Every structure is written in structure tokens, then in C-alpha cells.
N, C-alpha and C. Protein backbone atom coordinates (compact mmCIF):
# COMPACT_ATOMS: atom_id res chain seq x y z
N MET A 1 -35.87 8.59 28.24
CA MET A 1 -35.31 9.19 28.62
C MET A 1 -34.10 9.89 27.28
N ALA A 2 -33.77 11.43 26.94
CA ALA A 2 -33.20 11.61 25.94
C ALA A 2 -31.86 11.57 25.97
N GLY A 3 -31.31 11.84 25.34
CA GLY A 3 -29.72 11.73 25.16
C GLY A 3 -29.45 13.61 25.13
N PRO A 4 -27.63 13.83 25.40
CA PRO A 4 -27.47 14.90 25.43
C PRO A 4 -27.97 15.43 23.98
N PRO A 5 -28.26 16.65 24.31
CA PRO A 5 -28.46 17.44 22.76
C PRO A 5 -26.87 17.05 21.49
N GLU A 6 -27.55 17.29 20.15
CA GLU A 6 -26.81 16.99 19.64
C GLU A 6 -25.91 18.42 19.26
N HIS A 7 -26.53 19.46 19.49
CA HIS A 7 -25.17 20.63 19.18
C HIS A 7 -25.57 21.77 20.18
N PHE A 8 -24.85 22.66 20.03
CA PHE A 8 -25.46 24.03 21.32
C PHE A 8 -25.59 24.88 20.49
N VAL A 9 -26.43 25.96 20.99
CA VAL A 9 -26.68 27.32 20.64
C VAL A 9 -25.73 28.25 20.89
N VAL A 10 -24.98 29.08 20.14
CA VAL A 10 -24.52 30.01 20.54
C VAL A 10 -24.35 31.61 19.99
N PHE A 11 -24.92 32.38 20.10
CA PHE A 11 -24.79 33.50 19.36
C PHE A 11 -26.10 33.51 18.66
N GLY A 12 -27.12 32.44 18.59
CA GLY A 12 -28.32 31.88 17.85
C GLY A 12 -27.31 31.19 16.53
N ARG A 13 -26.30 30.56 16.94
CA ARG A 13 -26.03 29.57 15.50
C ARG A 13 -25.77 28.19 16.38
N LYS A 14 -26.45 27.10 15.49
CA LYS A 14 -25.73 25.60 16.02
C LYS A 14 -24.49 25.51 15.77
N ILE A 15 -23.65 25.42 17.16
CA ILE A 15 -22.51 24.52 16.84
C ILE A 15 -22.48 22.42 17.24
N PRO A 16 -22.34 22.33 16.53
CA PRO A 16 -22.23 20.33 16.54
C PRO A 16 -21.66 20.35 18.43
N ARG A 17 -21.95 19.56 19.18
CA ARG A 17 -21.47 18.76 20.01
C ARG A 17 -19.74 18.19 20.10
N THR A 18 -19.06 18.67 20.55
CA THR A 18 -17.92 18.68 20.06
C THR A 18 -16.95 18.84 21.64
N PRO A 19 -15.80 18.49 21.71
CA PRO A 19 -14.96 18.78 23.31
C PRO A 19 -15.20 20.84 22.99
N LEU A 20 -15.04 21.17 23.90
CA LEU A 20 -14.91 23.14 23.95
C LEU A 20 -14.13 23.39 24.33
N THR A 21 -13.75 24.64 23.89
CA THR A 21 -12.78 25.34 24.73
C THR A 21 -12.79 26.58 25.27
N TRP A 22 -12.74 27.73 25.65
CA TRP A 22 -12.61 29.11 25.78
C TRP A 22 -11.35 29.82 25.65
N LEU A 23 -11.33 31.09 25.14
CA LEU A 23 -10.61 31.24 24.33
C LEU A 23 -10.44 33.05 24.57
N LYS A 24 -9.20 33.71 25.20
CA LYS A 24 -9.79 34.87 26.42
C LYS A 24 -9.00 35.90 24.96
N ILE A 25 -9.53 36.52 24.30
CA ILE A 25 -9.50 37.82 23.48
C ILE A 25 -9.89 38.64 24.00
N SER A 26 -9.20 39.49 24.28
CA SER A 26 -8.93 41.11 24.63
C SER A 26 -9.94 41.22 26.60
N ASP A 27 -11.02 41.85 26.25
CA ASP A 27 -11.54 41.69 27.75
C ASP A 27 -12.67 40.76 27.50
N SER A 28 -13.01 40.09 26.60
CA SER A 28 -14.21 39.31 25.59
C SER A 28 -13.59 37.67 25.76
N MET A 29 -14.32 37.08 25.87
CA MET A 29 -14.15 35.32 25.60
C MET A 29 -15.30 35.01 24.55
N THR A 30 -14.03 33.70 23.79
CA THR A 30 -14.76 33.48 22.70
C THR A 30 -14.42 31.84 22.98
N LEU A 31 -15.79 30.96 22.00
CA LEU A 31 -15.66 29.89 22.62
C LEU A 31 -15.72 29.33 20.96
N LEU A 32 -14.38 28.25 21.11
CA LEU A 32 -13.50 27.76 20.55
C LEU A 32 -14.24 26.16 20.19
N ARG A 33 -14.61 25.54 18.86
CA ARG A 33 -14.56 24.07 19.06
C ARG A 33 -13.32 23.42 18.42
N MET A 34 -13.00 22.56 19.68
CA MET A 34 -11.40 21.65 19.23
C MET A 34 -11.74 20.12 18.58
N GLN A 35 -11.00 19.76 17.36
CA GLN A 35 -12.01 19.07 16.65
C GLN A 35 -10.35 18.28 16.55
N LYS A 36 -10.39 16.89 16.57
CA LYS A 36 -9.13 15.86 16.48
C LYS A 36 -9.14 15.51 15.38
N ARG A 37 -7.79 15.51 14.92
CA ARG A 37 -7.51 15.35 13.74
C ARG A 37 -7.38 14.06 13.63
N THR A 38 -7.83 13.57 12.09
CA THR A 38 -8.13 12.44 11.96
C THR A 38 -6.77 11.39 11.29
N ILE A 39 -6.62 10.23 11.53
CA ILE A 39 -5.01 9.25 11.56
C ILE A 39 -5.72 8.81 10.45
N ARG A 40 -4.70 9.36 9.00
CA ARG A 40 -5.24 8.69 7.88
C ARG A 40 -3.66 7.43 7.39
N PRO A 41 -4.08 6.38 7.13
CA PRO A 41 -2.82 5.74 6.30
C PRO A 41 -1.92 5.71 5.10
N GLY A 42 -0.76 5.73 5.05
CA GLY A 42 -0.36 6.51 3.91
C GLY A 42 0.44 7.70 4.25
N ARG A 43 0.62 8.30 2.80
CA ARG A 43 1.61 9.21 2.96
C ARG A 43 0.84 10.60 3.69
N PRO A 44 1.86 11.63 4.68
CA PRO A 44 1.67 12.80 5.19
C PRO A 44 0.47 13.50 4.31
N ALA A 45 -0.13 14.07 4.68
CA ALA A 45 -1.21 15.72 3.82
C ALA A 45 -0.20 16.31 3.15
N GLY A 46 -0.50 16.54 1.40
CA GLY A 46 0.86 17.64 1.22
C GLY A 46 1.83 17.05 0.50
N VAL A 47 2.22 15.60 1.03
CA VAL A 47 3.47 14.96 0.46
C VAL A 47 3.27 14.61 -0.85
N THR A 48 3.49 14.67 -2.10
CA THR A 48 3.26 14.89 -3.31
C THR A 48 4.03 14.17 -4.15
N THR A 49 5.45 13.71 -3.58
CA THR A 49 6.68 13.47 -4.22
C THR A 49 7.21 12.17 -3.64
N TYR A 50 7.65 11.40 -5.21
CA TYR A 50 7.85 9.74 -4.69
C TYR A 50 9.18 9.69 -5.05
N GLU A 51 10.16 8.84 -4.95
CA GLU A 51 12.03 8.54 -5.22
C GLU A 51 11.84 7.33 -5.28
N SER A 52 11.59 6.86 -6.74
CA SER A 52 11.45 5.68 -7.14
C SER A 52 12.68 5.01 -7.41
N ALA A 53 14.25 5.79 -6.99
CA ALA A 53 15.32 5.01 -7.08
C ALA A 53 15.82 4.43 -5.81
N PRO A 54 15.39 5.21 -4.32
CA PRO A 54 15.67 4.41 -3.20
C PRO A 54 14.82 2.87 -3.33
N ALA A 55 13.30 3.13 -3.87
CA ALA A 55 12.40 2.17 -3.62
C ALA A 55 12.66 0.83 -4.56
N LEU A 56 13.58 0.93 -5.59
CA LEU A 56 13.72 0.27 -6.80
C LEU A 56 14.97 -0.29 -5.83
N ALA A 57 15.60 0.55 -5.69
CA ALA A 57 17.21 -0.22 -5.02
C ALA A 57 16.53 -1.35 -3.65
N PHE A 58 15.84 -0.68 -3.03
CA PHE A 58 15.14 -1.32 -1.92
C PHE A 58 14.20 -2.99 -2.37
N GLY A 59 13.34 -2.73 -3.62
CA GLY A 59 12.90 -3.69 -3.90
C GLY A 59 14.22 -5.12 -4.37
N GLN A 60 14.94 -4.15 -5.39
CA GLN A 60 16.05 -5.23 -5.30
C GLN A 60 16.85 -6.27 -4.85
N ALA A 61 17.02 -5.90 -3.78
CA ALA A 61 18.04 -6.22 -2.39
C ALA A 61 16.83 -7.07 -1.86
N VAL A 62 15.67 -6.82 -1.57
CA VAL A 62 14.90 -7.96 -0.66
C VAL A 62 14.62 -8.53 -1.95
N ARG A 63 14.79 -8.56 -3.07
CA ARG A 63 14.42 -9.89 -3.98
C ARG A 63 15.15 -10.63 -4.26
N ALA A 64 16.83 -9.87 -4.30
CA ALA A 64 17.45 -10.88 -4.41
C ALA A 64 18.00 -12.03 -2.67
N ALA A 65 17.74 -11.41 -1.59
CA ALA A 65 17.84 -12.08 -0.28
C ALA A 65 17.14 -13.30 -0.43
N ARG A 66 15.33 -12.92 -0.93
CA ARG A 66 14.53 -14.13 -0.98
C ARG A 66 15.10 -14.94 -1.71
N LEU A 67 15.62 -14.93 -3.00
CA LEU A 67 15.73 -15.38 -4.12
C LEU A 67 17.06 -16.41 -3.61
N ALA A 68 18.17 -16.00 -2.69
CA ALA A 68 19.26 -16.89 -2.17
C ALA A 68 18.66 -17.71 -1.31
N GLN A 69 17.37 -17.67 -0.64
CA GLN A 69 17.11 -18.48 0.09
C GLN A 69 16.20 -19.29 -0.22
N GLY A 70 16.06 -19.40 -1.54
CA GLY A 70 15.01 -19.92 -2.37
C GLY A 70 13.76 -20.02 -1.80
N ILE A 71 12.89 -18.75 -1.30
CA ILE A 71 11.97 -18.73 -1.08
C ILE A 71 11.24 -18.12 -2.11
N ALA A 72 9.68 -18.79 -2.53
CA ALA A 72 8.56 -18.07 -3.36
C ALA A 72 8.21 -16.82 -2.90
N GLN A 73 8.01 -15.89 -3.49
CA GLN A 73 7.22 -14.39 -3.13
C GLN A 73 5.98 -14.67 -2.16
N ASP A 74 5.16 -15.53 -2.49
CA ASP A 74 3.67 -15.36 -1.96
C ASP A 74 4.17 -16.48 -0.67
N GLU A 75 5.10 -17.14 -0.51
CA GLU A 75 5.07 -18.05 0.79
C GLU A 75 6.27 -16.79 0.99
N PHE A 76 7.12 -15.93 1.04
CA PHE A 76 7.87 -14.92 1.71
C PHE A 76 6.76 -13.90 2.00
N ALA A 77 5.75 -13.66 1.37
CA ALA A 77 4.88 -12.52 1.73
C ALA A 77 3.85 -12.98 3.11
N GLY A 78 3.62 -14.29 2.93
CA GLY A 78 2.74 -14.71 4.39
C GLY A 78 3.59 -14.83 5.64
N LEU A 79 5.27 -15.05 5.36
CA LEU A 79 5.98 -15.12 6.76
C LEU A 79 6.46 -13.54 6.98
N ALA A 80 5.88 -12.43 5.79
CA ALA A 80 6.36 -11.50 6.33
C ALA A 80 5.58 -10.23 7.57
N GLY A 81 4.03 -11.34 6.89
CA GLY A 81 2.53 -10.56 7.26
C GLY A 81 2.40 -9.46 6.40
N ILE A 82 2.66 -9.61 4.97
CA ILE A 82 2.19 -8.68 4.36
C ILE A 82 1.70 -9.51 3.13
N ALA A 83 0.28 -8.39 2.29
CA ALA A 83 0.06 -8.86 1.03
C ALA A 83 0.72 -9.62 -0.02
N ARG A 84 0.65 -10.62 -0.78
CA ARG A 84 1.59 -11.11 -1.52
C ARG A 84 1.38 -10.22 -2.99
N SER A 85 0.34 -9.20 -3.16
CA SER A 85 0.62 -8.25 -3.86
C SER A 85 1.30 -6.66 -3.75
N HIS A 86 1.13 -6.28 -2.62
CA HIS A 86 2.17 -5.06 -1.73
C HIS A 86 3.37 -5.98 -2.58
N MET A 87 3.67 -7.11 -1.59
CA MET A 87 5.24 -7.50 -1.68
C MET A 87 5.64 -7.53 -2.77
N GLY A 88 5.29 -7.77 -4.28
CA GLY A 88 4.92 -7.64 -5.41
C GLY A 88 5.78 -5.98 -5.74
N LYS A 89 4.75 -5.29 -5.37
CA LYS A 89 5.15 -3.78 -5.26
C LYS A 89 6.20 -3.74 -4.45
N ILE A 90 6.67 -3.90 -3.58
CA ILE A 90 7.54 -3.93 -3.00
C ILE A 90 8.97 -3.85 -3.74
N GLU A 91 8.71 -5.20 -4.51
CA GLU A 91 9.91 -6.05 -5.17
C GLU A 91 10.33 -4.81 -6.19
N ARG A 92 9.35 -4.99 -6.75
CA ARG A 92 9.23 -3.73 -7.94
C ARG A 92 9.51 -2.68 -8.02
N GLY A 93 9.76 -1.98 -6.59
CA GLY A 93 10.25 -0.76 -5.99
C GLY A 93 9.05 0.33 -6.86
N GLU A 94 7.48 -0.14 -6.43
CA GLU A 94 6.77 0.73 -7.07
C GLU A 94 5.50 1.01 -5.68
N HIS A 95 6.74 0.77 -4.55
CA HIS A 95 5.98 1.36 -2.98
C HIS A 95 7.38 0.78 -1.97
N MET A 96 7.37 2.33 -1.48
CA MET A 96 8.27 2.68 -0.81
C MET A 96 7.46 2.16 0.71
N PRO A 97 8.50 1.25 1.61
CA PRO A 97 7.80 0.64 3.05
C PRO A 97 8.23 1.00 4.11
N THR A 98 7.16 1.61 4.81
CA THR A 98 7.76 1.81 6.72
C THR A 98 8.85 1.07 6.97
N LEU A 99 9.49 1.88 7.65
CA LEU A 99 10.21 1.34 9.02
C LEU A 99 9.42 0.28 9.11
N ALA A 100 8.40 0.22 10.04
CA ALA A 100 7.84 -1.26 10.34
C ALA A 100 7.73 -2.26 9.42
N LEU A 101 7.35 -1.98 7.95
CA LEU A 101 7.50 -3.25 7.18
C LEU A 101 8.82 -3.62 7.07
N ILE A 102 10.02 -2.15 6.74
CA ILE A 102 11.30 -2.96 6.42
C ILE A 102 11.67 -4.15 7.58
N LEU A 103 11.49 -3.88 8.78
CA LEU A 103 11.70 -5.20 9.89
C LEU A 103 10.89 -6.07 9.76
N LYS A 104 9.54 -6.08 9.28
CA LYS A 104 9.05 -7.22 8.98
C LYS A 104 9.76 -7.97 7.97
N ILE A 105 9.83 -7.82 6.67
CA ILE A 105 10.81 -7.96 6.00
C ILE A 105 12.34 -8.62 6.17
N SER A 106 12.71 -8.10 6.79
CA SER A 106 14.25 -8.50 7.66
C SER A 106 14.02 -9.73 8.01
N LEU A 107 13.25 -9.39 8.95
CA LEU A 107 12.93 -10.47 10.20
C LEU A 107 12.93 -12.14 9.40
N ALA A 108 11.51 -11.74 8.32
CA ALA A 108 11.01 -12.86 7.41
C ALA A 108 12.51 -13.40 6.84
N LEU A 109 12.80 -12.57 6.82
CA LEU A 109 14.10 -13.02 5.46
C LEU A 109 15.25 -13.28 6.47
N LYS A 110 14.94 -13.37 7.79
CA LYS A 110 16.42 -13.80 8.94
C LYS A 110 17.54 -13.35 8.74
N ILE A 111 17.67 -11.86 8.36
CA ILE A 111 18.71 -10.68 8.22
C ILE A 111 18.51 -9.87 9.09
N SER A 112 19.30 -8.76 9.60
CA SER A 112 18.96 -7.77 10.29
C SER A 112 18.80 -6.42 8.98
N SER A 113 18.22 -5.78 9.84
CA SER A 113 17.87 -4.55 8.43
C SER A 113 19.26 -3.65 8.36
N ALA A 114 19.95 -3.97 8.71
CA ALA A 114 21.32 -3.39 8.72
C ALA A 114 21.74 -3.53 7.54
N GLU A 115 21.65 -5.24 7.34
CA GLU A 115 22.45 -5.90 6.12
C GLU A 115 20.94 -5.38 4.92
N LEU A 116 19.95 -5.31 4.90
CA LEU A 116 19.46 -4.54 3.85
C LEU A 116 19.51 -3.78 3.44
N MET A 117 19.55 -2.32 3.90
CA MET A 117 20.24 -1.22 4.26
C MET A 117 21.64 -1.27 3.13
N LYS A 118 22.45 -2.02 3.93
CA LYS A 118 23.67 -2.34 2.96
C LYS A 118 23.51 -2.87 1.30
N ALA A 119 22.37 -3.22 1.54
CA ALA A 119 22.13 -3.96 0.25
C ALA A 119 21.98 -2.95 -0.64
N THR A 120 20.66 -2.29 0.45
CA THR A 120 19.46 -1.37 -0.93
C THR A 120 21.23 -0.01 -1.00
N GLU A 121 21.83 -0.04 -0.01
CA GLU A 121 22.81 1.41 -0.35
C GLU A 121 23.69 0.84 -2.05
N ARG A 122 24.43 -0.69 -1.64
CA ARG A 122 25.09 -0.75 -2.87
C ARG A 122 24.35 -1.00 -4.27
N ASN A 123 22.80 -1.29 -4.11
CA ASN A 123 22.18 -1.34 -5.42
C ASN A 123 21.82 0.46 -5.85
N LEU A 124 21.72 1.02 -4.76
CA LEU A 124 22.02 2.55 -5.52
C LEU A 124 23.52 3.17 -6.04
N TYR A 125 24.12 2.65 -5.22
CA TYR A 125 25.40 2.93 -6.08
C TYR A 125 25.67 2.69 -7.37
N LEU A 126 25.08 1.53 -7.49
CA LEU A 126 24.61 0.71 -8.76
C LEU A 126 24.51 1.34 -10.14
N GLN A 127 22.99 1.54 -9.43
CA GLN A 127 22.43 2.20 -10.20
C GLN A 127 22.66 4.37 -10.54
N GLY A 128 23.62 4.62 -9.68
CA GLY A 128 24.07 5.99 -9.93
C GLY A 128 25.65 5.55 -10.90
N ASP A 129 25.88 4.58 -11.33
CA ASP A 129 27.02 4.56 -12.34
C ASP A 129 25.74 3.82 -13.98
N ALA A 130 24.92 3.53 -13.48
CA ALA A 130 24.30 2.71 -14.93
C ALA A 130 24.22 4.37 -16.00
């Protein structure tokens, strides 16, 4: 038993099987193909800028808090559920973490994310004076 066709033929053109909808344009009906947008990890499409100062200030705040607690980077990365190499990039200011990562990091440090942000702001202020 054969399954549904892989395409439709509309006005002599093959259209792949996807969700379809009709759009009324004046007195005629036009068949439109609806496509789902794919979700990709990382920066939103079109974003090309990277602000290194906030990333560096956050990384310095994380490293200072981690060292104050005497935790090695690989152990800390495991506690936070982040790859050690990724944690290194965050601490060096090479990566700006998402809100979800910031929350994971603050939980692993056993401090509030607000305290971590306050330390980040202090570091930014100090960078501005340098």
C-alpha cells in the first residue's frame, strides 16, 4: 500500500507536500505553502555584533567567585552542567552566556544571579576607568 504523494501538482507545477493554506486575492484563490521556521541555536539571524566588555566583565566575576570558593574550573563546569571548554570561554569573555547559563552558573556558585550581575557591573565600571 502506497503512502500519500510526496508532492501536489498545481497549475502544472510540483509542490512538495507541506501544510497548505489558501489566500484570497481579489476574486481568485491562490494556494500558498506554509513552512515552519527552523529553530537554530546561537545568535538570532542577522546579528553580527558582539560586545566584548560585558562578556569579559561577567567572566571575571564568575572566575573571581569560583576561585574565592576554591573550586577548579573543570569541577565547577561539571557542577553547572556546562562543558569545561565552554566555561573557559565564558571566563575569558569569549562567549556571552544566555540567561539560562547565567542561572546555572549562579546556582553552581551558590550565589544569586543578582550578586553575579552586581559583580559584573562593578567590573564594567572598573574597565571604564582603566
